[in-house]
Amino acid sequence: MFDWRNIFRGLAMGTSDVIPGVSGGTIAVLLGIYDQFINAVSGITTREWKKHLPFLLTLGAGMATAILLLSHLIEWLLANYPQPTNFFFLGLIGGILPYLLRESNAKENFKGKHLLLLFIGAVIVASMAFINPSEEGVITSVTVSTALLLFLSGILASSAMLLPGISGSFILLVIGVYETAISAITNLNFVIIALVGAGVAFGFIFSSKAIRYLMNRFPIMMYAFIIGLVFGSLFVVYPGLTFEPLNVILSLVAAVAGFYTAVTLGKKG
């Protein structure tokens, strides 16, 4: 059965996927649909695909709409108000941690091995803050080598998107095809969109099966790892702070708004 609210959930996930450093998986957890999302993507290749199709169609429609329509807005916000924009997402990410700790019952369930895995997840993501993204030129014409690069980039990005805390857009930035992907979307270069999109679809299906298996087999271990990923992403998204009165006020208000939004949605979830 179609749930039209999934279009709005997809809008939120699609918006985050445009931004390097912000994970669509994190937003899915925040909205309370992460397990359903992973199960649906994994189950689309099984005999029960019809059961998952309405959810994926509505969610996908929202994500595609956000990516197509909001890419210009996000670029404008990041260009003109980079610190307040990133502080809003810092607030969102910080606000999801109480929800994850509550869902995993961390106080009772986390032992030494879980804390170690949490630390490893945080270090993996936080270390990305020290990676200098590649500065390859925008790809406009497709050859065999660039087609393969774009397809593989889509696979890697989608695998990252499924894990809370790791941004698919940031992976594209590191590989050097983020500007190519954004340019293709804004200029409707359907060949490049199709190549990256095919990689994303391929990566979604196979990565989701691995994540679904691990979540079912080792739920507390996966919660610990995911909490580490989310915590580590705070270091990636943090943009620094220029101490100008208006900028400081806007950044603090944005951070509080993001945190409040995440905590409110987490309680509803």
C-alpha atoms as a PDB file:
ATOM      1  CA  MET A   1       0.000   0.000   0.000  1.00  0.00           C
ATOM      2  CA  PHE A   2       1.273   3.466  -0.903  1.00  0.00           C
ATOM      3  CA  ASP A   3       2.147   5.759   1.977  1.00  0.00           C
ATOM      4  CA  TRP A   4       2.466   9.261   0.529  1.00  0.00           C
ATOM      5  CA  ARG A   5       4.441  10.382   3.580  1.00  0.00           C
ATOM      6  CA  ASN A   6       7.337   8.434   2.085  1.00  0.00           C
ATOM      7  CA  ILE A   7       7.587  11.069  -0.646  1.00  0.00           C
ATOM      8  CA  PHE A   8       8.419  13.664   2.000  1.00  0.00           C
ATOM      9  CA  ARG A   9      10.818  11.234   3.687  1.00  0.00           C
ATOM     10  CA  GLY A  10      12.464  10.744   0.311  1.00  0.00           C
ATOM     11  CA  LEU A  11      12.713  14.524  -0.106  1.00  0.00           C
ATOM     12  CA  ALA A  12      14.642  14.713   3.176  1.00  0.00           C
ATOM     13  CA  MET A  13      16.952  11.839   2.215  1.00  0.00           C
ATOM     14  CA  GLY A  14      17.524  13.199  -1.290  1.00  0.00           C
ATOM     15  CA  THR A  15      18.375  16.636   0.067  1.00  0.00           C
ATOM     16  CA  SER A  16      20.999  15.186   2.396  1.00  0.00           C
ATOM     17  CA  ASP A  17      22.490  13.032  -0.351  1.00  0.00           C
ATOM     18  CA  VAL A  18      23.332  16.163  -2.351  1.00  0.00           C
ATOM     19  CA  ILE A  19      25.537  17.462   0.469  1.00  0.00           C
ATOM     20  CA  PRO A  20      29.062  16.078   0.982  1.00  0.00           C
ATOM     21  CA  GLY A  21      29.380  14.956   4.595  1.00  0.00           C
ATOM     22  CA  VAL A  22      25.684  14.355   5.315  1.00  0.00           C
ATOM     23  CA  SER A  23      24.438  10.777   4.989  1.00  0.00           C
ATOM     24  CA  GLY A  24      21.078   9.800   3.578  1.00  0.00           C
ATOM     25  CA  GLY A  25      21.296   6.740   5.830  1.00  0.00           C
ATOM     26  CA  THR A  26      21.487   9.046   8.847  1.00  0.00           C
ATOM     27  CA  ILE A  27      18.288  10.799   7.750  1.00  0.00           C
ATOM     28  CA  ALA A  28      16.594   7.403   7.245  1.00  0.00           C
ATOM     29  CA  VAL A  29      17.441   6.471  10.841  1.00  0.00           C
ATOM     30  CA  LEU A  30      16.215   9.872  11.994  1.00  0.00           C
ATOM     31  CA  LEU A  31      12.891   9.338  10.206  1.00  0.00           C
ATOM     32  CA  GLY A  32      12.491   5.851  11.686  1.00  0.00           C
ATOM     33  CA  ILE A  33      12.569   4.035   8.330  1.00  0.00           C
ATOM     34  CA  TYR A  34      16.144   2.740   8.201  1.00  0.00           C
ATOM     35  CA  ASP A  35      15.288  -0.940   8.800  1.00  0.00           C
ATOM     36  CA  GLN A  36      12.391  -0.755   6.355  1.00  0.00           C
ATOM     37  CA  PHE A  37      14.629   0.956   3.789  1.00  0.00           C
ATOM     38  CA  ILE A  38      17.362  -1.696   4.032  1.00  0.00           C
ATOM     39  CA  ASN A  39      14.851  -4.553   3.940  1.00  0.00           C
ATOM     40  CA  ALA A  40      13.017  -3.061   0.957  1.00  0.00           C
ATOM     41  CA  VAL A  41      16.153  -2.476  -1.121  1.00  0.00           C
ATOM     42  CA  SER A  42      17.438  -5.941  -0.257  1.00  0.00           C
ATOM     43  CA  GLY A  43      14.047  -7.556  -0.882  1.00  0.00           C
ATOM     44  CA  ILE A  44      13.422  -6.005  -4.302  1.00  0.00           C
ATOM     45  CA  THR A  45      15.340  -8.878  -5.930  1.00  0.00           C
ATOM     46  CA  THR A  46      13.384 -11.586  -4.081  1.00  0.00           C
ATOM     47  CA  ARG A  47       9.989 -13.190  -4.653  1.00  0.00           C
ATOM     48  CA  GLU A  48       8.465 -10.622  -2.296  1.00  0.00           C
ATOM     49  CA  TRP A  49       9.475  -7.688  -4.501  1.00  0.00           C
ATOM     50  CA  LYS A  50       5.861  -6.560  -4.967  1.00  0.00           C
ATOM     51  CA  LYS A  51       5.556  -5.991  -1.222  1.00  0.00           C
ATOM     52  CA  HIS A  52       8.511  -3.594  -1.231  1.00  0.00           C
ATOM     53  CA  LEU A  53       7.803  -1.819  -4.520  1.00  0.00           C
ATOM     54  CA  PRO A  54       5.267   0.812  -3.275  1.00  0.00           C
ATOM     55  CA  PHE A  55       7.613   1.916  -0.489  1.00  0.00           C
ATOM     56  CA  LEU A  56      10.601   2.195  -2.834  1.00  0.00           C
ATOM     57  CA  LEU A  57       8.629   3.993  -5.554  1.00  0.00           C
ATOM     58  CA  THR A  58       7.311   6.703  -3.239  1.00  0.00           C
ATOM     59  CA  LEU A  59      10.612   7.083  -1.395  1.00  0.00           C
ATOM     60  CA  GLY A  60      12.532   7.116  -4.683  1.00  0.00           C
ATOM     61  CA  ALA A  61      10.181   9.728  -6.160  1.00  0.00           C
ATOM     62  CA  GLY A  62      10.898  12.023  -3.223  1.00  0.00           C
ATOM     63  CA  MET A  63      14.657  11.449  -3.405  1.00  0.00           C
ATOM     64  CA  ALA A  64      14.785  12.066  -7.165  1.00  0.00           C
ATOM     65  CA  THR A  65      12.666  15.222  -6.826  1.00  0.00           C
ATOM     66  CA  ALA A  66      14.918  16.609  -4.093  1.00  0.00           C
ATOM     67  CA  ILE A  67      18.100  15.862  -6.025  1.00  0.00           C
ATOM     68  CA  LEU A  68      16.755  17.447  -9.216  1.00  0.00           C
ATOM     69  CA  LEU A  69      15.058  20.491  -7.701  1.00  0.00           C
ATOM     70  CA  LEU A  70      17.112  21.242  -4.596  1.00  0.00           C
ATOM     71  CA  SER A  71      20.629  20.797  -5.933  1.00  0.00           C
ATOM     72  CA  HIS A  72      20.664  24.501  -6.948  1.00  0.00           C
ATOM     73  CA  LEU A  73      19.302  25.604  -3.553  1.00  0.00           C
ATOM     74  CA  ILE A  74      21.799  23.515  -1.599  1.00  0.00           C
ATOM     75  CA  GLU A  75      24.648  24.834  -3.746  1.00  0.00           C
ATOM     76  CA  TRP A  76      23.425  28.392  -3.102  1.00  0.00           C
ATOM     77  CA  LEU A  77      23.120  27.871   0.654  1.00  0.00           C
ATOM     78  CA  LEU A  78      26.552  26.281   0.881  1.00  0.00           C
ATOM     79  CA  ALA A  79      28.044  29.069  -1.242  1.00  0.00           C
ATOM     80  CA  ASN A  80      26.408  31.950   0.649  1.00  0.00           C
ATOM     81  CA  TYR A  81      25.796  30.553   4.141  1.00  0.00           C
ATOM     82  CA  PRO A  82      28.193  27.604   4.427  1.00  0.00           C
ATOM     83  CA  GLN A  83      28.653  27.636   8.181  1.00  0.00           C
ATOM     84  CA  PRO A  84      24.977  28.028   9.260  1.00  0.00           C
ATOM     85  CA  THR A  85      23.966  25.394   6.693  1.00  0.00           C
ATOM     86  CA  ASN A  86      26.523  22.905   7.977  1.00  0.00           C
ATOM     87  CA  PHE A  87      25.705  23.744  11.599  1.00  0.00           C
ATOM     88  CA  PHE A  88      22.077  22.812  10.911  1.00  0.00           C
ATOM     89  CA  PHE A  89      23.248  19.400   9.759  1.00  0.00           C
ATOM     90  CA  LEU A  90      25.588  19.167  12.742  1.00  0.00           C
ATOM     91  CA  GLY A  91      22.536  19.661  14.943  1.00  0.00           C
ATOM     92  CA  LEU A  92      20.625  16.980  13.045  1.00  0.00           C
ATOM     93  CA  ILE A  93      23.482  14.500  13.379  1.00  0.00           C
ATOM     94  CA  GLY A  94      24.029  15.289  17.053  1.00  0.00           C
ATOM     95  CA  GLY A  95      20.306  14.975  17.745  1.00  0.00           C
ATOM     96  CA  ILE A  96      20.120  11.474  16.325  1.00  0.00           C
ATOM     97  CA  LEU A  97      22.623  10.065  18.844  1.00  0.00           C
ATOM     98  CA  PRO A  98      20.153   9.994  21.801  1.00  0.00           C
ATOM     99  CA  TYR A  99      17.703   8.084  19.579  1.00  0.00           C
ATOM    100  CA  LEU A 100      20.321   5.496  18.596  1.00  0.00           C
ATOM    101  CA  LEU A 101      21.525   5.068  22.177  1.00  0.00           C
ATOM    102  CA  ARG A 102      17.941   4.584  23.319  1.00  0.00           C
ATOM    103  CA  GLU A 103      17.067   2.123  20.546  1.00  0.00           C
ATOM    104  CA  SER A 104      20.149   0.016  21.215  1.00  0.00           C
ATOM    105  CA  ASN A 105      19.707   0.234  25.011  1.00  0.00           C
ATOM    106  CA  ALA A 106      23.407   1.048  25.064  1.00  0.00           C
ATOM    107  CA  LYS A 107      23.601   1.446  28.839  1.00  0.00           C
ATOM    108  CA  GLU A 108      22.602  -2.200  29.327  1.00  0.00           C
ATOM    109  CA  ASN A 109      23.883  -3.850  26.148  1.00  0.00           C
ATOM    110  CA  PHE A 110      27.209  -2.227  25.322  1.00  0.00           C
ATOM    111  CA  LYS A 111      30.271  -4.097  26.557  1.00  0.00           C
ATOM    112  CA  GLY A 112      33.953  -3.577  25.857  1.00  0.00           C
ATOM    113  CA  LYS A 113      33.793  -5.087  22.336  1.00  0.00           C
ATOM    114  CA  HIS A 114      30.891  -2.808  21.443  1.00  0.00           C
ATOM    115  CA  LEU A 115      32.714   0.291  22.650  1.00  0.00           C
ATOM    116  CA  LEU A 116      35.766  -0.757  20.641  1.00  0.00           C
ATOM    117  CA  LEU A 117      33.646  -1.153  17.496  1.00  0.00           C
ATOM    118  CA  LEU A 118      32.012   2.221  18.187  1.00  0.00           C
ATOM    119  CA  PHE A 119      35.467   3.792  18.403  1.00  0.00           C
ATOM    120  CA  ILE A 120      36.584   2.125  15.155  1.00  0.00           C
ATOM    121  CA  GLY A 121      33.487   3.406  13.325  1.00  0.00           C
ATOM    122  CA  ALA A 122      34.065   6.935  14.617  1.00  0.00           C
ATOM    123  CA  VAL A 123      37.722   6.905  13.568  1.00  0.00           C
ATOM    124  CA  ILE A 124      36.904   5.591  10.082  1.00  0.00           C
ATOM    125  CA  VAL A 125      34.488   8.446   9.360  1.00  0.00           C
ATOM    126  CA  ALA A 126      36.342  11.186  11.264  1.00  0.00           C
ATOM    127  CA  SER A 127      39.539  10.413   9.332  1.00  0.00           C
ATOM    128  CA  MET A 128      37.737  11.471   6.149  1.00  0.00           C
ATOM    129  CA  ALA A 129      37.901  15.056   7.427  1.00  0.00           C
ATOM    130  CA  PHE A 130      41.633  14.961   6.720  1.00  0.00           C
ATOM    131  CA  ILE A 131      41.289  13.632   3.171  1.00  0.00           C
ATOM    132  CA  ASN A 132      41.896  16.198   0.450  1.00  0.00           C
ATOM    133  CA  PRO A 133      39.255  15.604  -2.230  1.00  0.00           C
ATOM    134  CA  SER A 134      40.447  14.973  -5.750  1.00  0.00           C
ATOM    135  CA  GLU A 135      40.125  17.946  -8.090  1.00  0.00           C
ATOM    136  CA  GLU A 136      39.486  16.250 -11.410  1.00  0.00           C
ATOM    137  CA  GLY A 137      37.752  18.283 -14.118  1.00  0.00           C
ATOM    138  CA  VAL A 138      34.066  17.917 -14.887  1.00  0.00           C
ATOM    139  CA  ILE A 139      33.420  14.992 -17.235  1.00  0.00           C
ATOM    140  CA  THR A 140      31.183  16.032 -20.113  1.00  0.00           C
ATOM    141  CA  SER A 141      31.944  13.421 -22.778  1.00  0.00           C
ATOM    142  CA  VAL A 142      31.815   9.716 -22.045  1.00  0.00           C
ATOM    143  CA  THR A 143      34.490   7.229 -23.070  1.00  0.00           C
ATOM    144  CA  VAL A 144      34.899   3.604 -22.021  1.00  0.00           C
ATOM    145  CA  SER A 145      37.230   4.583 -19.169  1.00  0.00           C
ATOM    146  CA  THR A 146      35.074   7.462 -17.890  1.00  0.00           C
ATOM    147  CA  ALA A 147      31.934   5.310 -18.168  1.00  0.00           C
ATOM    148  CA  LEU A 148      33.577   2.660 -15.986  1.00  0.00           C
ATOM    149  CA  LEU A 149      34.744   5.331 -13.522  1.00  0.00           C
ATOM    150  CA  LEU A 150      31.235   6.805 -13.234  1.00  0.00           C
ATOM    151  CA  PHE A 151      29.619   3.378 -12.789  1.00  0.00           C
ATOM    152  CA  LEU A 152      32.097   2.296 -10.091  1.00  0.00           C
ATOM    153  CA  SER A 153      31.739   5.681  -8.396  1.00  0.00           C
ATOM    154  CA  GLY A 154      27.988   5.132  -8.190  1.00  0.00           C
ATOM    155  CA  ILE A 155      28.529   1.714  -6.574  1.00  0.00           C
ATOM    156  CA  LEU A 156      30.888   3.120  -3.937  1.00  0.00           C
ATOM    157  CA  ALA A 157      28.678   6.138  -3.260  1.00  0.00           C
ATOM    158  CA  SER A 158      25.519   4.068  -2.836  1.00  0.00           C
ATOM    159  CA  SER A 159      27.270   1.662  -0.478  1.00  0.00           C
ATOM    160  CA  ALA A 160      28.235   4.670   1.648  1.00  0.00           C
ATOM    161  CA  MET A 161      24.724   6.153   1.461  1.00  0.00           C
ATOM    162  CA  LEU A 162      23.249   3.058   3.098  1.00  0.00           C
ATOM    163  CA  LEU A 163      25.452   3.405   6.173  1.00  0.00           C
ATOM    164  CA  PRO A 164      24.497   6.193   8.581  1.00  0.00           C
ATOM    165  CA  GLY A 165      27.385   8.596   9.033  1.00  0.00           C
ATOM    166  CA  ILE A 166      29.115   8.039   5.693  1.00  0.00           C
ATOM    167  CA  SER A 167      28.115  10.411   2.920  1.00  0.00           C
ATOM    168  CA  GLY A 168      27.807   9.117  -0.623  1.00  0.00           C
ATOM    169  CA  SER A 169      28.386  12.647  -1.913  1.00  0.00           C
ATOM    170  CA  PHE A 170      31.631  12.852   0.051  1.00  0.00           C
ATOM    171  CA  ILE A 171      32.798   9.582  -1.530  1.00  0.00           C
ATOM    172  CA  LEU A 172      32.114  11.110  -4.956  1.00  0.00           C
ATOM    173  CA  LEU A 173      34.065  14.179  -3.860  1.00  0.00           C
ATOM    174  CA  VAL A 174      37.046  12.064  -2.803  1.00  0.00           C
ATOM    175  CA  ILE A 175      36.982  10.111  -6.071  1.00  0.00           C
ATOM    176  CA  GLY A 176      36.766  13.361  -8.025  1.00  0.00           C
ATOM    177  CA  VAL A 177      33.381  12.998  -9.740  1.00  0.00           C
ATOM    178  CA  TYR A 178      31.136  15.010  -7.390  1.00  0.00           C
ATOM    179  CA  GLU A 179      31.214  18.128  -9.588  1.00  0.00           C
ATOM    180  CA  THR A 180      30.561  15.918 -12.611  1.00  0.00           C
ATOM    181  CA  ALA A 181      27.480  14.391 -10.940  1.00  0.00           C
ATOM    182  CA  ILE A 182      26.083  17.769  -9.820  1.00  0.00           C
ATOM    183  CA  SER A 183      26.774  19.289 -13.252  1.00  0.00           C
ATOM    184  CA  ALA A 184      25.025  16.351 -14.946  1.00  0.00           C
ATOM    185  CA  ILE A 185      21.961  16.812 -12.738  1.00  0.00           C
ATOM    186  CA  THR A 186      21.718  20.581 -13.179  1.00  0.00           C
ATOM    187  CA  ASN A 187      22.342  20.361 -16.953  1.00  0.00           C
ATOM    188  CA  LEU A 188      20.309  17.153 -17.442  1.00  0.00           C
ATOM    189  CA  ASN A 189      23.152  15.148 -18.958  1.00  0.00           C
ATOM    190  CA  PHE A 190      21.160  11.921 -19.085  1.00  0.00           C
ATOM    191  CA  VAL A 191      24.063   9.715 -20.191  1.00  0.00           C
ATOM    192  CA  ILE A 192      26.159  10.556 -17.132  1.00  0.00           C
ATOM    193  CA  ILE A 193      23.091  10.450 -14.862  1.00  0.00           C
ATOM    194  CA  ALA A 194      22.272   6.965 -16.201  1.00  0.00           C
ATOM    195  CA  LEU A 195      25.823   5.667 -15.666  1.00  0.00           C
ATOM    196  CA  VAL A 196      26.085   6.926 -12.093  1.00  0.00           C
ATOM    197  CA  GLY A 197      22.480   5.899 -11.408  1.00  0.00           C
ATOM    198  CA  ALA A 198      23.104   2.356 -12.652  1.00  0.00           C
ATOM    199  CA  GLY A 199      26.070   2.098 -10.299  1.00  0.00           C
ATOM    200  CA  VAL A 200      23.987   3.435  -7.432  1.00  0.00           C
ATOM    201  CA  ALA A 201      21.208   0.900  -8.086  1.00  0.00           C
ATOM    202  CA  PHE A 202      23.704  -1.972  -8.325  1.00  0.00           C
ATOM    203  CA  GLY A 203      25.458  -0.897  -5.133  1.00  0.00           C
ATOM    204  CA  PHE A 204      22.184  -0.406  -3.264  1.00  0.00           C
ATOM    205  CA  ILE A 205      20.987  -3.949  -3.928  1.00  0.00           C
ATOM    206  CA  PHE A 206      24.168  -5.816  -3.015  1.00  0.00           C
ATOM    207  CA  SER A 207      25.250  -3.599  -0.102  1.00  0.00           C
ATOM    208  CA  SER A 208      21.777  -3.732   1.430  1.00  0.00           C
ATOM    209  CA  LYS A 209      21.902  -7.535   1.534  1.00  0.00           C
ATOM    210  CA  ALA A 210      25.163  -7.440   3.483  1.00  0.00           C
ATOM    211  CA  ILE A 211      23.850  -4.786   5.898  1.00  0.00           C
ATOM    212  CA  ARG A 212      20.557  -6.656   6.353  1.00  0.00           C
ATOM    213  CA  TYR A 213      22.415  -9.871   7.188  1.00  0.00           C
ATOM    214  CA  LEU A 214      24.641  -8.139   9.731  1.00  0.00           C
ATOM    215  CA  MET A 215      21.732  -6.241  11.325  1.00  0.00           C
ATOM    216  CA  ASN A 216      19.790  -9.491  11.768  1.00  0.00           C
ATOM    217  CA  ARG A 217      22.765 -11.541  12.957  1.00  0.00           C
ATOM    218  CA  PHE A 218      24.642  -8.989  15.067  1.00  0.00           C
ATOM    219  CA  PRO A 219      22.163  -6.196  15.939  1.00  0.00           C
ATOM    220  CA  ILE A 220      23.962  -4.758  18.987  1.00  0.00           C
ATOM    221  CA  MET A 221      27.346  -4.849  17.257  1.00  0.00           C
ATOM    222  CA  MET A 222      25.845  -3.051  14.255  1.00  0.00           C
ATOM    223  CA  TYR A 223      24.203  -0.444  16.487  1.00  0.00           C
ATOM    224  CA  ALA A 224      27.559   0.234  18.127  1.00  0.00           C
ATOM    225  CA  PHE A 225      29.264   0.560  14.734  1.00  0.00           C
ATOM    226  CA  ILE A 226      26.515   2.833  13.372  1.00  0.00           C
ATOM    227  CA  ILE A 227      26.664   5.071  16.459  1.00  0.00           C
ATOM    228  CA  GLY A 228      30.412   5.360  15.875  1.00  0.00           C
ATOM    229  CA  LEU A 229      29.843   6.265  12.218  1.00  0.00           C
ATOM    230  CA  VAL A 230      27.306   8.940  13.137  1.00  0.00           C
ATOM    231  CA  PHE A 231      29.538  10.376  15.875  1.00  0.00           C
ATOM    232  CA  GLY A 232      32.534  10.461  13.525  1.00  0.00           C
ATOM    233  CA  SER A 233      30.523  12.318  10.886  1.00  0.00           C
ATOM    234  CA  LEU A 234      30.312  15.315  13.244  1.00  0.00           C
ATOM    235  CA  PHE A 235      34.012  15.924  12.591  1.00  0.00           C
ATOM    236  CA  VAL A 236      33.521  15.694   8.812  1.00  0.00           C
ATOM    237  CA  VAL A 237      30.569  18.097   8.666  1.00  0.00           C
ATOM    238  CA  TYR A 238      32.010  20.655  11.129  1.00  0.00           C
ATOM    239  CA  PRO A 239      32.862  23.670   8.921  1.00  0.00           C
ATOM    240  CA  GLY A 240      34.759  25.765  11.455  1.00  0.00           C
ATOM    241  CA  LEU A 241      33.307  29.004  12.803  1.00  0.00           C
ATOM    242  CA  THR A 242      34.069  32.559  11.751  1.00  0.00           C
ATOM    243  CA  PHE A 243      33.544  34.779  14.788  1.00  0.00           C
ATOM    244  CA  GLU A 244      31.386  37.450  13.203  1.00  0.00           C
ATOM    245  CA  PRO A 245      28.277  38.259  15.285  1.00  0.00           C
ATOM    246  CA  LEU A 246      25.674  37.553  12.594  1.00  0.00           C
ATOM    247  CA  ASN A 247      27.406  34.368  11.438  1.00  0.00           C
ATOM    248  CA  VAL A 248      27.754  33.057  15.003  1.00  0.00           C
ATOM    249  CA  ILE A 249      24.078  33.769  15.762  1.00  0.00           C
ATOM    250  CA  LEU A 250      22.856  32.132  12.531  1.00  0.00           C
ATOM    251  CA  SER A 251      25.088  29.105  13.076  1.00  0.00           C
ATOM    252  CA  LEU A 252      23.964  28.600  16.675  1.00  0.00           C
ATOM    253  CA  VAL A 253      20.285  29.019  15.773  1.00  0.00           C
ATOM    254  CA  ALA A 254      20.718  26.562  12.887  1.00  0.00           C
ATOM    255  CA  ALA A 255      22.452  24.013  15.144  1.00  0.00           C
ATOM    256  CA  VAL A 256      19.717  24.253  17.793  1.00  0.00           C
ATOM    257  CA  ALA A 257      17.018  23.961  15.095  1.00  0.00           C
ATOM    258  CA  GLY A 258      18.694  20.877  13.635  1.00  0.00           C
ATOM    259  CA  PHE A 259      19.119  19.259  17.059  1.00  0.00           C
ATOM    260  CA  TYR A 260      15.521  19.991  18.049  1.00  0.00           C
ATOM    261  CA  THR A 261      14.241  18.602  14.744  1.00  0.00           C
ATOM    262  CA  ALA A 262      16.207  15.383  15.179  1.00  0.00           C
ATOM    263  CA  VAL A 263      15.188  14.852  18.805  1.00  0.00           C
ATOM    264  CA  THR A 264      11.519  15.535  17.995  1.00  0.00           C
ATOM    265  CA  LEU A 265      11.490  13.141  15.056  1.00  0.00           C
ATOM    266  CA  GLY A 266      13.394  10.569  17.099  1.00  0.00           C
ATOM    267  CA  LYS A 267      10.743  10.650  19.832  1.00  0.00           C
ATOM    268  CA  LYS A 268       7.983  10.231  17.241  1.00  0.00           C
ATOM    269  CA  GLY A 269       9.876   7.353  15.685  1.00  0.00           C
END
